[in-house]
Amino acid sequence: MPFVRIDLMQGKDDMYRATIGEAVYDAMRRTLDVPENNRFQVIAEHGATDFIIDQTYLGLSRTDDCIVIQVTLNEGRDVAKKHAFYKVVADGLHERLKLRREDVFINLVEVKNENWSFGKGEAQYAPQ
């Protein structure tokens, strides 16, 4: 069960933000073995003073269109799947929104099963 946070500079319309969410979800389904209907995303916009992204770190050239995608997911996926996910997301956003691949920043956070509660105060993935 991935939980996705998508952060970007304010000023994009609803369709643009929805397309980002769809591209990330599609990539998770294609590359990370995420089941259908397992979509939990928060998309937030920020003003320039609250969204600080180094525009040249690691020799890349980022613009104000840069988006940050953080995915919290169960541990266990191999590096090949992660590499595939990064590429499919960047390519999908480029194809759908003409977003530069350099402007797609992705961070995966892996957690153990017992770190999830989907409601009712229960740990559905780690019953007692």
C-alpha atoms as a PDB file:
ATOM      1  CA  MET A   1       0.000   0.000   0.000  1.00  0.00           C
ATOM      2  CA  PRO A   2       1.884   3.054  -1.120  1.00  0.00           C
ATOM      3  CA  PHE A   3       1.042   6.478   0.235  1.00  0.00           C
ATOM      4  CA  VAL A   4       2.066   9.237  -2.164  1.00  0.00           C
ATOM      5  CA  ARG A   5       2.756  12.895  -1.459  1.00  0.00           C
ATOM      6  CA  ILE A   6       3.143  15.139  -4.485  1.00  0.00           C
ATOM      7  CA  ASP A   7       4.353  18.686  -3.916  1.00  0.00           C
ATOM      8  CA  LEU A   8       4.693  21.445  -6.480  1.00  0.00           C
ATOM      9  CA  MET A   9       4.798  25.210  -6.859  1.00  0.00           C
ATOM     10  CA  GLN A  10       1.371  26.808  -6.749  1.00  0.00           C
ATOM     11  CA  GLY A  11      -0.330  27.899  -9.923  1.00  0.00           C
ATOM     12  CA  LYS A  12      -1.129  24.708 -11.809  1.00  0.00           C
ATOM     13  CA  ASP A  13      -4.745  23.897 -12.661  1.00  0.00           C
ATOM     14  CA  ASP A  14      -6.811  20.969 -11.393  1.00  0.00           C
ATOM     15  CA  MET A  15      -6.311  18.913 -14.564  1.00  0.00           C
ATOM     16  CA  TYR A  16      -2.517  19.311 -14.385  1.00  0.00           C
ATOM     17  CA  ARG A  17      -2.432  18.133 -10.759  1.00  0.00           C
ATOM     18  CA  ALA A  18      -4.818  15.245 -11.479  1.00  0.00           C
ATOM     19  CA  THR A  19      -2.651  14.148 -14.403  1.00  0.00           C
ATOM     20  CA  ILE A  20       0.402  14.018 -12.156  1.00  0.00           C
ATOM     21  CA  GLY A  21      -1.475  11.778  -9.727  1.00  0.00           C
ATOM     22  CA  GLU A  22      -2.670   9.504 -12.525  1.00  0.00           C
ATOM     23  CA  ALA A  23       0.825   9.189 -14.014  1.00  0.00           C
ATOM     24  CA  VAL A  24       2.322   8.236 -10.648  1.00  0.00           C
ATOM     25  CA  TYR A  25      -0.440   5.715  -9.937  1.00  0.00           C
ATOM     26  CA  ASP A  26      -0.086   4.176 -13.411  1.00  0.00           C
ATOM     27  CA  ALA A  27       3.685   3.866 -12.915  1.00  0.00           C
ATOM     28  CA  MET A  28       3.240   2.192  -9.522  1.00  0.00           C
ATOM     29  CA  ARG A  29       0.842  -0.325 -11.052  1.00  0.00           C
ATOM     30  CA  ARG A  30       3.202  -1.051 -13.964  1.00  0.00           C
ATOM     31  CA  THR A  31       6.501  -1.268 -12.079  1.00  0.00           C
ATOM     32  CA  LEU A  32       5.976  -1.730  -8.322  1.00  0.00           C
ATOM     33  CA  ASP A  33       3.244  -4.404  -8.315  1.00  0.00           C
ATOM     34  CA  VAL A  34       0.682  -2.107  -6.708  1.00  0.00           C
ATOM     35  CA  PRO A  35      -2.807  -3.620  -6.872  1.00  0.00           C
ATOM     36  CA  GLU A  36      -5.776  -1.904  -8.477  1.00  0.00           C
ATOM     37  CA  ASN A  37      -7.763   0.504  -6.264  1.00  0.00           C
ATOM     38  CA  ASN A  38      -4.771   0.989  -3.979  1.00  0.00           C
ATOM     39  CA  ARG A  39      -4.486   4.728  -4.545  1.00  0.00           C
ATOM     40  CA  PHE A  40      -3.742   7.064  -1.645  1.00  0.00           C
ATOM     41  CA  GLN A  41      -2.331  10.443  -2.704  1.00  0.00           C
ATOM     42  CA  VAL A  42      -2.039  13.935  -1.314  1.00  0.00           C
ATOM     43  CA  ILE A  43      -1.230  16.654  -3.831  1.00  0.00           C
ATOM     44  CA  ALA A  44      -0.208  20.012  -2.375  1.00  0.00           C
ATOM     45  CA  GLU A  45       0.835  23.310  -3.882  1.00  0.00           C
ATOM     46  CA  HIS A  46       3.247  25.705  -2.198  1.00  0.00           C
ATOM     47  CA  GLY A  47       4.272  29.327  -2.581  1.00  0.00           C
ATOM     48  CA  ALA A  48       7.826  30.115  -3.672  1.00  0.00           C
ATOM     49  CA  THR A  49       9.018  30.764  -0.111  1.00  0.00           C
ATOM     50  CA  ASP A  50       7.720  27.359   1.021  1.00  0.00           C
ATOM     51  CA  PHE A  51       9.011  25.258  -1.875  1.00  0.00           C
ATOM     52  CA  ILE A  52      12.780  25.359  -2.009  1.00  0.00           C
ATOM     53  CA  ILE A  53      14.384  23.071  -4.590  1.00  0.00           C
ATOM     54  CA  ASP A  54      18.038  23.448  -5.518  1.00  0.00           C
ATOM     55  CA  GLN A  55      18.044  24.070  -9.240  1.00  0.00           C
ATOM     56  CA  THR A  56      21.519  22.658  -9.963  1.00  0.00           C
ATOM     57  CA  TYR A  57      22.204  19.826  -7.474  1.00  0.00           C
ATOM     58  CA  LEU A  58      24.066  16.878  -9.074  1.00  0.00           C
ATOM     59  CA  GLY A  59      24.538  18.871 -12.271  1.00  0.00           C
ATOM     60  CA  LEU A  60      20.874  18.884 -13.215  1.00  0.00           C
ATOM     61  CA  SER A  61      19.019  21.989 -14.347  1.00  0.00           C
ATOM     62  CA  ARG A  62      15.684  22.271 -12.532  1.00  0.00           C
ATOM     63  CA  THR A  63      13.019  24.913 -13.075  1.00  0.00           C
ATOM     64  CA  ASP A  64      10.133  26.245 -10.996  1.00  0.00           C
ATOM     65  CA  ASP A  65       8.028  23.464 -12.572  1.00  0.00           C
ATOM     66  CA  CYS A  66       9.925  20.872 -10.522  1.00  0.00           C
ATOM     67  CA  ILE A  67       7.675  18.495  -8.610  1.00  0.00           C
ATOM     68  CA  VAL A  68       8.568  16.356  -5.605  1.00  0.00           C
ATOM     69  CA  ILE A  69       7.048  12.890  -5.381  1.00  0.00           C
ATOM     70  CA  GLN A  70       7.494  10.972  -2.132  1.00  0.00           C
ATOM     71  CA  VAL A  71       6.190   7.422  -1.969  1.00  0.00           C
ATOM     72  CA  THR A  72       5.962   5.552   1.324  1.00  0.00           C
ATOM     73  CA  LEU A  73       5.656   1.834   0.614  1.00  0.00           C
ATOM     74  CA  ASN A  74       6.321  -1.588   2.078  1.00  0.00           C
ATOM     75  CA  GLU A  75       9.947  -2.603   1.945  1.00  0.00           C
ATOM     76  CA  GLY A  76      11.164  -5.347  -0.325  1.00  0.00           C
ATOM     77  CA  ARG A  77      11.204  -4.140  -3.915  1.00  0.00           C
ATOM     78  CA  ASP A  78      14.509  -4.607  -5.699  1.00  0.00           C
ATOM     79  CA  VAL A  79      16.603  -1.847  -7.231  1.00  0.00           C
ATOM     80  CA  ALA A  80      15.568  -2.780 -10.785  1.00  0.00           C
ATOM     81  CA  LYS A  81      11.893  -2.154  -9.956  1.00  0.00           C
ATOM     82  CA  LYS A  82      12.774   1.175  -8.362  1.00  0.00           C
ATOM     83  CA  HIS A  83      14.794   2.260 -11.392  1.00  0.00           C
ATOM     84  CA  ALA A  84      11.911   1.250 -13.654  1.00  0.00           C
ATOM     85  CA  PHE A  85       9.483   3.254 -11.510  1.00  0.00           C
ATOM     86  CA  TYR A  86      11.624   6.416 -11.674  1.00  0.00           C
ATOM     87  CA  LYS A  87      11.872   6.158 -15.453  1.00  0.00           C
ATOM     88  CA  VAL A  88       8.202   5.381 -16.063  1.00  0.00           C
ATOM     89  CA  VAL A  89       7.127   8.321 -13.881  1.00  0.00           C
ATOM     90  CA  ALA A  90       9.507  10.784 -15.549  1.00  0.00           C
ATOM     91  CA  ASP A  91       8.619   9.551 -19.031  1.00  0.00           C
ATOM     92  CA  GLY A  92       4.887   9.533 -18.286  1.00  0.00           C
ATOM     93  CA  LEU A  93       4.908  13.092 -16.957  1.00  0.00           C
ATOM     94  CA  HIS A  94       6.951  14.234 -19.932  1.00  0.00           C
ATOM     95  CA  GLU A  95       4.536  12.583 -22.378  1.00  0.00           C
ATOM     96  CA  ARG A  96       1.345  13.749 -20.661  1.00  0.00           C
ATOM     97  CA  LEU A  97       2.337  17.227 -19.474  1.00  0.00           C
ATOM     98  CA  LYS A  98       5.563  18.039 -21.335  1.00  0.00           C
ATOM     99  CA  LEU A  99       7.196  18.238 -17.900  1.00  0.00           C
ATOM    100  CA  ARG A 100      10.955  18.111 -18.204  1.00  0.00           C
ATOM    101  CA  ARG A 101      12.406  14.863 -16.840  1.00  0.00           C
ATOM    102  CA  GLU A 102      14.932  16.957 -14.892  1.00  0.00           C
ATOM    103  CA  ASP A 103      11.988  18.468 -12.998  1.00  0.00           C
ATOM    104  CA  VAL A 104      10.804  15.146 -11.556  1.00  0.00           C
ATOM    105  CA  PHE A 105      12.259  14.538  -8.075  1.00  0.00           C
ATOM    106  CA  ILE A 106      11.294  11.181  -6.520  1.00  0.00           C
ATOM    107  CA  ASN A 107      11.955   9.812  -3.036  1.00  0.00           C
ATOM    108  CA  LEU A 108      10.950   6.313  -1.900  1.00  0.00           C
ATOM    109  CA  VAL A 109      10.504   5.618   1.822  1.00  0.00           C
ATOM    110  CA  GLU A 110      10.313   1.928   2.685  1.00  0.00           C
ATOM    111  CA  VAL A 111       8.592   0.767   5.857  1.00  0.00           C
ATOM    112  CA  LYS A 112       7.706  -2.520   7.531  1.00  0.00           C
ATOM    113  CA  ASN A 113       4.153  -3.909   7.325  1.00  0.00           C
ATOM    114  CA  GLU A 114       3.328  -3.021  10.922  1.00  0.00           C
ATOM    115  CA  ASN A 115       3.680   0.687  10.127  1.00  0.00           C
ATOM    116  CA  TRP A 116       0.256   0.955   8.474  1.00  0.00           C
ATOM    117  CA  SER A 117      -3.240   1.421   9.841  1.00  0.00           C
ATOM    118  CA  PHE A 118      -5.991   1.796   7.244  1.00  0.00           C
ATOM    119  CA  GLY A 119      -8.619   2.634   9.825  1.00  0.00           C
ATOM    120  CA  LYS A 120     -10.377   1.368  12.934  1.00  0.00           C
ATOM    121  CA  GLY A 121      -7.136   1.702  14.923  1.00  0.00           C
ATOM    122  CA  GLU A 122      -5.932  -1.627  13.542  1.00  0.00           C
ATOM    123  CA  ALA A 123      -2.740  -2.714  11.819  1.00  0.00           C
ATOM    124  CA  GLN A 124      -4.339  -4.618   8.953  1.00  0.00           C
ATOM    125  CA  TYR A 125      -1.017  -5.786   7.493  1.00  0.00           C
ATOM    126  CA  ALA A 126       0.310  -6.942  10.882  1.00  0.00           C
ATOM    127  CA  PRO A 127      -2.508  -8.467  12.936  1.00  0.00           C
ATOM    128  CA  GLN A 128      -1.783  -9.363  16.556  1.00  0.00           C
END
